[in-house]
Amino acid sequence: MAVVSGCASSPSSSSRYALSQDRAPSGDFDASGLADAVPRYEPRRAAGNKSPYTVWGKQYWVLDSAAGYVQQGTASWYGEKFHGHRTSNGEVFDMYAMSAAHKSLPIPCYARVTNLENGRSVIVRVNDRGPFYGDRLIDLSYAAAIKLGYQGQGTARVEVAAITVTPDGALTVAGESMPEVGSVAGGGTGPGADGAMALFLQLGSFSHQAPAQLMAEQAEAVVASAVRVREVETAAGRFHRVQVGPFQNDGEAQRTRRELEARGFEESILLTDTR
């Protein structure tokens, strides 16, 4: 396993850690049943949000808001060296939880991280600062790295899309409003003519086409239903939505959802969309 330079909430004081270098925990850890972080409204805190701040002689600024943030870059992970120590906002780092460190996103916030090499996505809660090594964009917990499939090589090319939640519960990903789950009037009707509303399962929504196309190809390999990548222009920009369907009724959609979940597509949402 590659040794990864993980982030620390206090990089200049490495003597506080029992280990000089980061590493994975001994033994096997099964992350297949580990649920993503669940986005919820959390007010911005003073802890961890000092701006600007300086690490190793370089100055960084914290964003006023995470709304609309989406960026591609390199993800690393951090594990046993920092496990049990305090994060930048005073919480205790748990390498088995779905969390992350970022240099500029406000703390706490949530983000969808997609491995651009295999199309896998996770949702993490940002509660730490870093990584401060090279040009790395985000540091994920060891568990999150396993779910994205790059813990062995140490780093991966990813897309980070911020998830924001308002006090009334409205949720957006990179500025795009999330469709209402199960928003099918009357339990769903059959698809109509072109332009009519129909029932779909949405597996993901990406600001770039490549990861959307990869996810669509992976879905096509495991289900008999049609899979499409639909480009949508929104106020926040262009998004590529990976959708399965249309379905004749809610029962058919739910059977396909269970089939997809059994094959690793655990983040599908049921929605109406134009055919």
C-alpha atoms as a PDB file:
ATOM      1  CA  MET A   1       0.000   0.000   0.000  1.00  0.00           C
ATOM      2  CA  ALA A   2       1.237   3.457  -0.862  1.00  0.00           C
ATOM      3  CA  VAL A   3       1.998   5.644   2.127  1.00  0.00           C
ATOM      4  CA  VAL A   4      -0.181   8.719   1.903  1.00  0.00           C
ATOM      5  CA  SER A   5       0.651  12.116   3.328  1.00  0.00           C
ATOM      6  CA  GLY A   6      -2.618  12.781   5.055  1.00  0.00           C
ATOM      7  CA  CYS A   7      -3.809  16.113   6.275  1.00  0.00           C
ATOM      8  CA  ALA A   8      -3.592  17.160   9.869  1.00  0.00           C
ATOM      9  CA  SER A   9      -5.540  19.835  11.639  1.00  0.00           C
ATOM     10  CA  SER A  10      -2.205  21.162  12.903  1.00  0.00           C
ATOM     11  CA  PRO A  11       0.372  20.162  10.255  1.00  0.00           C
ATOM     12  CA  SER A  12       3.226  21.994  11.958  1.00  0.00           C
ATOM     13  CA  SER A  13       2.927  19.963  15.151  1.00  0.00           C
ATOM     14  CA  SER A  14       3.375  16.397  13.940  1.00  0.00           C
ATOM     15  CA  SER A  15       4.963  15.434  17.278  1.00  0.00           C
ATOM     16  CA  ARG A  16       1.480  15.206  18.776  1.00  0.00           C
ATOM     17  CA  TYR A  17       0.860  12.029  16.707  1.00  0.00           C
ATOM     18  CA  ALA A  18       2.112   8.605  17.733  1.00  0.00           C
ATOM     19  CA  LEU A  19       2.879   7.706  14.107  1.00  0.00           C
ATOM     20  CA  SER A  20       5.361   9.595  11.955  1.00  0.00           C
ATOM     21  CA  GLN A  21       3.668   8.506   8.726  1.00  0.00           C
ATOM     22  CA  ASP A  22       0.063   7.760   7.896  1.00  0.00           C
ATOM     23  CA  ARG A  23      -1.110   4.233   7.160  1.00  0.00           C
ATOM     24  CA  ALA A  24      -4.162   2.048   6.758  1.00  0.00           C
ATOM     25  CA  PRO A  25      -5.444   0.110   9.760  1.00  0.00           C
ATOM     26  CA  SER A  26      -4.298  -3.485  10.155  1.00  0.00           C
ATOM     27  CA  GLY A  27      -6.734  -6.166   9.051  1.00  0.00           C
ATOM     28  CA  ASP A  28      -9.542  -5.946   6.528  1.00  0.00           C
ATOM     29  CA  PHE A  29     -12.259  -3.301   6.734  1.00  0.00           C
ATOM     30  CA  ASP A  30     -15.492  -3.946   4.846  1.00  0.00           C
ATOM     31  CA  ALA A  31     -16.968  -0.602   3.773  1.00  0.00           C
ATOM     32  CA  SER A  32     -19.683  -2.103   1.558  1.00  0.00           C
ATOM     33  CA  GLY A  33     -22.366  -1.554   4.187  1.00  0.00           C
ATOM     34  CA  LEU A  34     -21.165   1.883   5.249  1.00  0.00           C
ATOM     35  CA  ALA A  35     -23.753   4.565   4.491  1.00  0.00           C
ATOM     36  CA  ASP A  36     -22.875   7.944   3.043  1.00  0.00           C
ATOM     37  CA  ALA A  37     -23.036  11.049   5.187  1.00  0.00           C
ATOM     38  CA  VAL A  38     -26.592  12.420   5.236  1.00  0.00           C
ATOM     39  CA  PRO A  39     -26.662  16.128   4.334  1.00  0.00           C
ATOM     40  CA  ARG A  40     -28.572  18.317   6.771  1.00  0.00           C
ATOM     41  CA  TYR A  41     -28.625  21.986   7.615  1.00  0.00           C
ATOM     42  CA  GLU A  42     -25.772  22.961   9.926  1.00  0.00           C
ATOM     43  CA  PRO A  43     -24.977  26.623  10.662  1.00  0.00           C
ATOM     44  CA  ARG A  44     -21.473  27.844   9.959  1.00  0.00           C
ATOM     45  CA  ARG A  45     -19.274  27.705  13.054  1.00  0.00           C
ATOM     46  CA  ALA A  46     -16.365  29.818  14.182  1.00  0.00           C
ATOM     47  CA  ALA A  47     -14.172  26.765  14.785  1.00  0.00           C
ATOM     48  CA  GLY A  48     -12.214  25.796  11.685  1.00  0.00           C
ATOM     49  CA  ASN A  49     -13.338  28.781   9.603  1.00  0.00           C
ATOM     50  CA  LYS A  50     -10.653  31.360  10.323  1.00  0.00           C
ATOM     51  CA  SER A  51      -9.937  33.225   7.097  1.00  0.00           C
ATOM     52  CA  PRO A  52      -7.325  33.762   5.950  1.00  0.00           C
ATOM     53  CA  TYR A  53      -5.150  31.164   7.678  1.00  0.00           C
ATOM     54  CA  THR A  54      -1.536  30.166   7.083  1.00  0.00           C
ATOM     55  CA  VAL A  55      -0.010  26.676   6.836  1.00  0.00           C
ATOM     56  CA  TRP A  56       3.679  26.109   6.075  1.00  0.00           C
ATOM     57  CA  GLY A  57       4.060  29.749   5.028  1.00  0.00           C
ATOM     58  CA  LYS A  58       1.171  29.673   2.535  1.00  0.00           C
ATOM     59  CA  GLN A  59      -2.061  31.616   3.045  1.00  0.00           C
ATOM     60  CA  TYR A  60      -5.525  30.176   2.399  1.00  0.00           C
ATOM     61  CA  TRP A  61      -9.014  31.709   2.350  1.00  0.00           C
ATOM     62  CA  VAL A  62     -12.258  30.027   3.382  1.00  0.00           C
ATOM     63  CA  LEU A  63     -15.214  30.478   1.036  1.00  0.00           C
ATOM     64  CA  ASP A  64     -18.139  32.533   2.324  1.00  0.00           C
ATOM     65  CA  SER A  65     -20.492  29.846   1.019  1.00  0.00           C
ATOM     66  CA  ALA A  66     -20.225  26.383  -0.498  1.00  0.00           C
ATOM     67  CA  ALA A  67     -23.139  27.071  -2.861  1.00  0.00           C
ATOM     68  CA  GLY A  68     -22.303  26.275  -6.485  1.00  0.00           C
ATOM     69  CA  TYR A  69     -18.831  24.878  -5.731  1.00  0.00           C
ATOM     70  CA  VAL A  70     -17.649  22.167  -8.121  1.00  0.00           C
ATOM     71  CA  GLN A  71     -14.046  21.379  -8.993  1.00  0.00           C
ATOM     72  CA  GLN A  72     -11.901  18.531 -10.266  1.00  0.00           C
ATOM     73  CA  GLY A  73      -8.534  17.573  -8.819  1.00  0.00           C
ATOM     74  CA  THR A  74      -6.583  14.954  -6.888  1.00  0.00           C
ATOM     75  CA  ALA A  75      -7.977  13.242  -3.800  1.00  0.00           C
ATOM     76  CA  SER A  76      -5.824  11.554  -1.179  1.00  0.00           C
ATOM     77  CA  TRP A  77      -6.872   9.892   2.081  1.00  0.00           C
ATOM     78  CA  TYR A  78      -5.852   9.938   5.722  1.00  0.00           C
ATOM     79  CA  GLY A  79      -6.164   7.216   8.306  1.00  0.00           C
ATOM     80  CA  GLU A  80      -4.543   5.700  11.374  1.00  0.00           C
ATOM     81  CA  LYS A  81      -2.041   8.480  12.120  1.00  0.00           C
ATOM     82  CA  PHE A  82      -4.870  10.967  12.672  1.00  0.00           C
ATOM     83  CA  HIS A  83      -7.550   8.569  13.960  1.00  0.00           C
ATOM     84  CA  GLY A  84      -8.830   9.728  17.349  1.00  0.00           C
ATOM     85  CA  HIS A  85      -7.251  13.194  17.105  1.00  0.00           C
ATOM     86  CA  ARG A  86      -9.072  16.489  16.808  1.00  0.00           C
ATOM     87  CA  THR A  87     -10.083  17.903  13.438  1.00  0.00           C
ATOM     88  CA  SER A  88      -9.936  21.622  12.633  1.00  0.00           C
ATOM     89  CA  ASN A  89     -13.374  22.256  14.110  1.00  0.00           C
ATOM     90  CA  GLY A  90     -12.686  20.339  17.312  1.00  0.00           C
ATOM     91  CA  GLU A  91     -14.421  17.084  16.434  1.00  0.00           C
ATOM     92  CA  VAL A  92     -12.658  13.726  16.703  1.00  0.00           C
ATOM     93  CA  PHE A  93     -11.442  12.269  13.420  1.00  0.00           C
ATOM     94  CA  ASP A  94     -12.795   8.795  12.697  1.00  0.00           C
ATOM     95  CA  MET A  95     -11.155   7.095   9.718  1.00  0.00           C
ATOM     96  CA  TYR A  96     -14.163   4.747   9.494  1.00  0.00           C
ATOM     97  CA  ALA A  97     -16.675   7.607   9.053  1.00  0.00           C
ATOM     98  CA  MET A  98     -17.617   9.374   5.827  1.00  0.00           C
ATOM     99  CA  SER A  99     -15.722  12.616   6.339  1.00  0.00           C
ATOM    100  CA  ALA A 100     -13.195  14.805   4.539  1.00  0.00           C
ATOM    101  CA  ALA A 101     -10.766  17.697   4.773  1.00  0.00           C
ATOM    102  CA  HIS A 102     -10.746  20.628   2.354  1.00  0.00           C
ATOM    103  CA  LYS A 103      -8.704  23.828   2.281  1.00  0.00           C
ATOM    104  CA  SER A 104     -11.459  26.311   1.453  1.00  0.00           C
ATOM    105  CA  LEU A 105     -14.960  24.879   1.871  1.00  0.00           C
ATOM    106  CA  PRO A 106     -16.728  26.194   4.979  1.00  0.00           C
ATOM    107  CA  ILE A 107     -16.895  23.850   7.966  1.00  0.00           C
ATOM    108  CA  PRO A 108     -19.113  21.936   8.382  1.00  0.00           C
ATOM    109  CA  CYS A 109     -20.506  21.227   4.926  1.00  0.00           C
ATOM    110  CA  TYR A 110     -21.215  18.259   2.696  1.00  0.00           C
ATOM    111  CA  ALA A 111     -19.853  17.245  -0.691  1.00  0.00           C
ATOM    112  CA  ARG A 112     -20.411  14.599  -3.327  1.00  0.00           C
ATOM    113  CA  VAL A 113     -17.047  13.182  -4.406  1.00  0.00           C
ATOM    114  CA  THR A 114     -16.868  11.179  -7.635  1.00  0.00           C
ATOM    115  CA  ASN A 115     -13.921   9.046  -8.702  1.00  0.00           C
ATOM    116  CA  LEU A 116     -13.530  10.048 -12.354  1.00  0.00           C
ATOM    117  CA  GLU A 117     -11.696   6.819 -13.129  1.00  0.00           C
ATOM    118  CA  ASN A 118     -14.506   4.421 -12.160  1.00  0.00           C
ATOM    119  CA  GLY A 119     -17.624   6.589 -11.749  1.00  0.00           C
ATOM    120  CA  ARG A 120     -18.179   5.740  -8.079  1.00  0.00           C
ATOM    121  CA  SER A 121     -19.563   8.509  -5.849  1.00  0.00           C
ATOM    122  CA  VAL A 122     -19.792   9.086  -2.101  1.00  0.00           C
ATOM    123  CA  ILE A 123     -21.206  11.834   0.082  1.00  0.00           C
ATOM    124  CA  VAL A 124     -18.914  13.081   2.839  1.00  0.00           C
ATOM    125  CA  ARG A 125     -19.084  15.660   5.600  1.00  0.00           C
ATOM    126  CA  VAL A 126     -16.248  18.194   5.538  1.00  0.00           C
ATOM    127  CA  ASN A 127     -15.032  18.852   9.078  1.00  0.00           C
ATOM    128  CA  ASP A 128     -11.270  19.371   8.686  1.00  0.00           C
ATOM    129  CA  ARG A 129      -8.677  21.444   6.828  1.00  0.00           C
ATOM    130  CA  GLY A 130      -6.231  20.115   4.272  1.00  0.00           C
ATOM    131  CA  PRO A 131      -4.659  18.500   2.356  1.00  0.00           C
ATOM    132  CA  PHE A 132      -1.629  20.793   2.308  1.00  0.00           C
ATOM    133  CA  TYR A 133       0.574  18.534   0.202  1.00  0.00           C
ATOM    134  CA  GLY A 134       1.190  19.461  -3.448  1.00  0.00           C
ATOM    135  CA  ASP A 135      -1.841  20.233  -5.564  1.00  0.00           C
ATOM    136  CA  ARG A 136      -4.254  17.862  -3.837  1.00  0.00           C
ATOM    137  CA  LEU A 137      -7.847  19.035  -3.713  1.00  0.00           C
ATOM    138  CA  ILE A 138      -9.431  16.963  -0.931  1.00  0.00           C
ATOM    139  CA  ASP A 139      -8.442  14.442   1.723  1.00  0.00           C
ATOM    140  CA  LEU A 140     -11.015  11.716   2.386  1.00  0.00           C
ATOM    141  CA  SER A 141     -11.280   9.391   5.330  1.00  0.00           C
ATOM    142  CA  TYR A 142      -9.877   5.907   4.805  1.00  0.00           C
ATOM    143  CA  ALA A 143     -13.417   4.479   4.646  1.00  0.00           C
ATOM    144  CA  ALA A 144     -14.505   6.955   1.965  1.00  0.00           C
ATOM    145  CA  ALA A 145     -11.414   6.122  -0.090  1.00  0.00           C
ATOM    146  CA  ILE A 146     -12.297   2.428   0.061  1.00  0.00           C
ATOM    147  CA  LYS A 147     -15.817   3.142  -1.209  1.00  0.00           C
ATOM    148  CA  LEU A 148     -14.324   5.127  -4.086  1.00  0.00           C
ATOM    149  CA  GLY A 149     -11.854   2.322  -4.803  1.00  0.00           C
ATOM    150  CA  TYR A 150      -8.517   4.127  -4.579  1.00  0.00           C
ATOM    151  CA  GLN A 151      -7.180   3.278  -1.118  1.00  0.00           C
ATOM    152  CA  GLY A 152      -4.549   0.997  -2.645  1.00  0.00           C
ATOM    153  CA  GLN A 153      -2.966   3.526  -4.998  1.00  0.00           C
ATOM    154  CA  GLY A 154      -3.300   6.419  -2.512  1.00  0.00           C
ATOM    155  CA  THR A 155      -4.741   9.091  -4.812  1.00  0.00           C
ATOM    156  CA  ALA A 156      -7.388   9.448  -7.502  1.00  0.00           C
ATOM    157  CA  ARG A 157      -8.713  12.043  -9.911  1.00  0.00           C
ATOM    158  CA  VAL A 158     -12.076  13.206  -8.564  1.00  0.00           C
ATOM    159  CA  GLU A 159     -14.845  15.743  -8.915  1.00  0.00           C
ATOM    160  CA  VAL A 160     -15.942  17.519  -5.729  1.00  0.00           C
ATOM    161  CA  ALA A 161     -19.433  19.035  -5.805  1.00  0.00           C
ATOM    162  CA  ALA A 162     -20.607  20.871  -2.701  1.00  0.00           C
ATOM    163  CA  ILE A 163     -23.991  19.989  -1.227  1.00  0.00           C
ATOM    164  CA  THR A 164     -25.825  22.816   0.520  1.00  0.00           C
ATOM    165  CA  VAL A 165     -28.921  22.543   2.700  1.00  0.00           C
ATOM    166  CA  THR A 166     -31.055  25.531   3.682  1.00  0.00           C
ATOM    167  CA  PRO A 167     -32.795  25.828   7.079  1.00  0.00           C
ATOM    168  CA  ASP A 168     -36.062  24.715   5.448  1.00  0.00           C
ATOM    169  CA  GLY A 169     -34.414  21.565   4.070  1.00  0.00           C
ATOM    170  CA  ALA A 170     -33.971  22.537   0.407  1.00  0.00           C
ATOM    171  CA  LEU A 171     -30.924  20.738  -0.976  1.00  0.00           C
ATOM    172  CA  THR A 172     -28.664  21.640  -3.899  1.00  0.00           C
ATOM    173  CA  VAL A 173     -25.605  19.930  -5.401  1.00  0.00           C
ATOM    174  CA  ALA A 174     -23.134  22.341  -7.023  1.00  0.00           C
ATOM    175  CA  GLY A 175     -25.966  24.847  -7.231  1.00  0.00           C
ATOM    176  CA  GLU A 176     -28.406  22.444  -8.920  1.00  0.00           C
ATOM    177  CA  SER A 177     -31.632  21.808  -7.039  1.00  0.00           C
ATOM    178  CA  MET A 178     -32.151  18.151  -6.222  1.00  0.00           C
ATOM    179  CA  PRO A 179     -35.407  16.675  -7.535  1.00  0.00           C
ATOM    180  CA  GLU A 180     -37.942  15.646  -4.959  1.00  0.00           C
ATOM    181  CA  VAL A 181     -37.644  11.982  -4.097  1.00  0.00           C
ATOM    182  CA  GLY A 182     -40.661   9.981  -5.134  1.00  0.00           C
ATOM    183  CA  SER A 183     -42.269  13.012  -6.746  1.00  0.00           C
ATOM    184  CA  VAL A 184     -44.675  11.063  -8.927  1.00  0.00           C
ATOM    185  CA  ALA A 185     -48.262  12.258  -8.681  1.00  0.00           C
ATOM    186  CA  GLY A 186     -50.754   9.485  -8.062  1.00  0.00           C
ATOM    187  CA  GLY A 187     -48.046   6.819  -7.784  1.00  0.00           C
ATOM    188  CA  GLY A 188     -46.909   7.223 -11.391  1.00  0.00           C
ATOM    189  CA  THR A 189     -48.490   6.978 -14.812  1.00  0.00           C
ATOM    190  CA  GLY A 190     -47.232   5.517 -18.027  1.00  0.00           C
ATOM    191  CA  PRO A 191     -44.908   7.579 -20.203  1.00  0.00           C
ATOM    192  CA  GLY A 192     -46.662   9.732 -22.709  1.00  0.00           C
ATOM    193  CA  ALA A 193     -45.594  11.312 -25.977  1.00  0.00           C
ATOM    194  CA  ASP A 194     -42.312  13.141 -26.434  1.00  0.00           C
ATOM    195  CA  GLY A 195     -42.083  15.975 -23.920  1.00  0.00           C
ATOM    196  CA  ALA A 196     -44.566  14.351 -21.553  1.00  0.00           C
ATOM    197  CA  MET A 197     -43.605  13.532 -17.983  1.00  0.00           C
ATOM    198  CA  ALA A 198     -42.422  10.000 -17.289  1.00  0.00           C
ATOM    199  CA  LEU A 199     -40.965   8.014 -14.424  1.00  0.00           C
ATOM    200  CA  PHE A 200     -37.171   7.550 -14.109  1.00  0.00           C
ATOM    201  CA  LEU A 201     -34.513   6.466 -11.631  1.00  0.00           C
ATOM    202  CA  GLN A 202     -31.681   8.990 -11.518  1.00  0.00           C
ATOM    203  CA  LEU A 203     -28.303   7.520 -10.576  1.00  0.00           C
ATOM    204  CA  GLY A 204     -26.203  10.685 -10.642  1.00  0.00           C
ATOM    205  CA  SER A 205     -25.847  14.231 -11.926  1.00  0.00           C
ATOM    206  CA  PHE A 206     -22.444  15.496 -13.065  1.00  0.00           C
ATOM    207  CA  SER A 207     -21.050  18.784 -14.291  1.00  0.00           C
ATOM    208  CA  HIS A 208     -18.829  16.903 -16.766  1.00  0.00           C
ATOM    209  CA  GLN A 209     -19.866  14.316 -19.328  1.00  0.00           C
ATOM    210  CA  ALA A 210     -17.100  11.719 -18.870  1.00  0.00           C
ATOM    211  CA  PRO A 211     -18.076  10.409 -15.402  1.00  0.00           C
ATOM    212  CA  ALA A 212     -21.758  10.468 -16.403  1.00  0.00           C
ATOM    213  CA  GLN A 213     -21.046   8.377 -19.486  1.00  0.00           C
ATOM    214  CA  LEU A 214     -18.972   5.930 -17.446  1.00  0.00           C
ATOM    215  CA  MET A 215     -21.764   5.486 -14.902  1.00  0.00           C
ATOM    216  CA  ALA A 216     -24.294   4.992 -17.708  1.00  0.00           C
ATOM    217  CA  GLU A 217     -22.156   2.241 -19.265  1.00  0.00           C
ATOM    218  CA  GLN A 218     -21.828   0.516 -15.891  1.00  0.00           C
ATOM    219  CA  ALA A 219     -25.604   0.655 -15.363  1.00  0.00           C
ATOM    220  CA  GLU A 220     -26.318  -0.692 -18.862  1.00  0.00           C
ATOM    221  CA  ALA A 221     -24.230  -3.750 -17.996  1.00  0.00           C
ATOM    222  CA  VAL A 222     -26.447  -4.737 -15.038  1.00  0.00           C
ATOM    223  CA  VAL A 223     -30.047  -3.813 -15.977  1.00  0.00           C
ATOM    224  CA  ALA A 224     -32.256  -4.513 -18.957  1.00  0.00           C
ATOM    225  CA  SER A 225     -33.967  -1.104 -18.794  1.00  0.00           C
ATOM    226  CA  ALA A 226     -32.853   1.746 -21.013  1.00  0.00           C
ATOM    227  CA  VAL A 227     -30.164   4.081 -19.643  1.00  0.00           C
ATOM    228  CA  ARG A 228     -29.550   7.625 -20.842  1.00  0.00           C
ATOM    229  CA  VAL A 229     -27.355  10.623 -20.119  1.00  0.00           C
ATOM    230  CA  ARG A 230     -29.544  13.715 -20.298  1.00  0.00           C
ATOM    231  CA  GLU A 231     -27.908  17.139 -20.575  1.00  0.00           C
ATOM    232  CA  VAL A 232     -29.757  19.877 -18.715  1.00  0.00           C
ATOM    233  CA  GLU A 233     -28.996  23.582 -18.626  1.00  0.00           C
ATOM    234  CA  THR A 234     -29.654  25.199 -15.234  1.00  0.00           C
ATOM    235  CA  ALA A 235     -28.885  28.545 -13.658  1.00  0.00           C
ATOM    236  CA  ALA A 236     -25.824  26.879 -12.125  1.00  0.00           C
ATOM    237  CA  GLY A 237     -24.576  25.550 -15.474  1.00  0.00           C
ATOM    238  CA  ARG A 238     -24.848  22.386 -17.559  1.00  0.00           C
ATOM    239  CA  PHE A 239     -25.400  19.022 -15.858  1.00  0.00           C
ATOM    240  CA  HIS A 240     -25.325  15.465 -17.220  1.00  0.00           C
ATOM    241  CA  ARG A 241     -27.971  13.322 -15.527  1.00  0.00           C
ATOM    242  CA  VAL A 242     -27.688   9.538 -15.627  1.00  0.00           C
ATOM    243  CA  GLN A 243     -31.214   8.128 -15.718  1.00  0.00           C
ATOM    244  CA  VAL A 244     -32.756   4.670 -16.058  1.00  0.00           C
ATOM    245  CA  GLY A 245     -36.212   4.381 -17.623  1.00  0.00           C
ATOM    246  CA  PRO A 246     -38.853   5.378 -18.470  1.00  0.00           C
ATOM    247  CA  PHE A 247     -40.981   2.984 -16.422  1.00  0.00           C
ATOM    248  CA  GLN A 248     -44.638   2.120 -16.869  1.00  0.00           C
ATOM    249  CA  ASN A 249     -45.437   2.367 -13.157  1.00  0.00           C
ATOM    250  CA  ASP A 250     -43.984   2.752  -9.680  1.00  0.00           C
ATOM    251  CA  GLY A 251     -43.755  -1.012  -9.089  1.00  0.00           C
ATOM    252  CA  GLU A 252     -41.567  -1.526 -12.145  1.00  0.00           C
ATOM    253  CA  ALA A 253     -39.324   1.340 -11.092  1.00  0.00           C
ATOM    254  CA  GLN A 254     -38.937  -0.015  -7.556  1.00  0.00           C
ATOM    255  CA  ARG A 255     -38.020  -3.485  -8.831  1.00  0.00           C
ATOM    256  CA  THR A 256     -35.300  -1.966 -10.988  1.00  0.00           C
ATOM    257  CA  ARG A 257     -34.115   0.170  -8.069  1.00  0.00           C
ATOM    258  CA  ARG A 258     -33.661  -2.937  -5.909  1.00  0.00           C
ATOM    259  CA  GLU A 259     -31.779  -4.618  -8.746  1.00  0.00           C
ATOM    260  CA  LEU A 260     -29.488  -1.598  -9.082  1.00  0.00           C
ATOM    261  CA  GLU A 261     -28.887  -1.419  -5.324  1.00  0.00           C
ATOM    262  CA  ALA A 262     -27.884  -5.082  -5.301  1.00  0.00           C
ATOM    263  CA  ARG A 263     -25.274  -4.281  -7.961  1.00  0.00           C
ATOM    264  CA  GLY A 264     -23.793  -1.313  -6.089  1.00  0.00           C
ATOM    265  CA  PHE A 265     -25.920   1.636  -7.301  1.00  0.00           C
ATOM    266  CA  GLU A 266     -27.136   2.748  -3.881  1.00  0.00           C
ATOM    267  CA  GLU A 267     -27.835   6.451  -4.545  1.00  0.00           C
ATOM    268  CA  SER A 268     -30.755   6.290  -7.008  1.00  0.00           C
ATOM    269  CA  ILE A 269     -33.700   8.622  -6.623  1.00  0.00           C
ATOM    270  CA  LEU A 270     -37.176   8.225  -8.068  1.00  0.00           C
ATOM    271  CA  LEU A 271     -38.390  11.208 -10.070  1.00  0.00           C
ATOM    272  CA  THR A 272     -40.494  12.447 -12.922  1.00  0.00           C
ATOM    273  CA  ASP A 273     -38.757  13.906 -15.931  1.00  0.00           C
ATOM    274  CA  THR A 274     -39.501  14.629 -19.572  1.00  0.00           C
ATOM    275  CA  ARG A 275     -39.253  11.659 -21.848  1.00  0.00           C
END
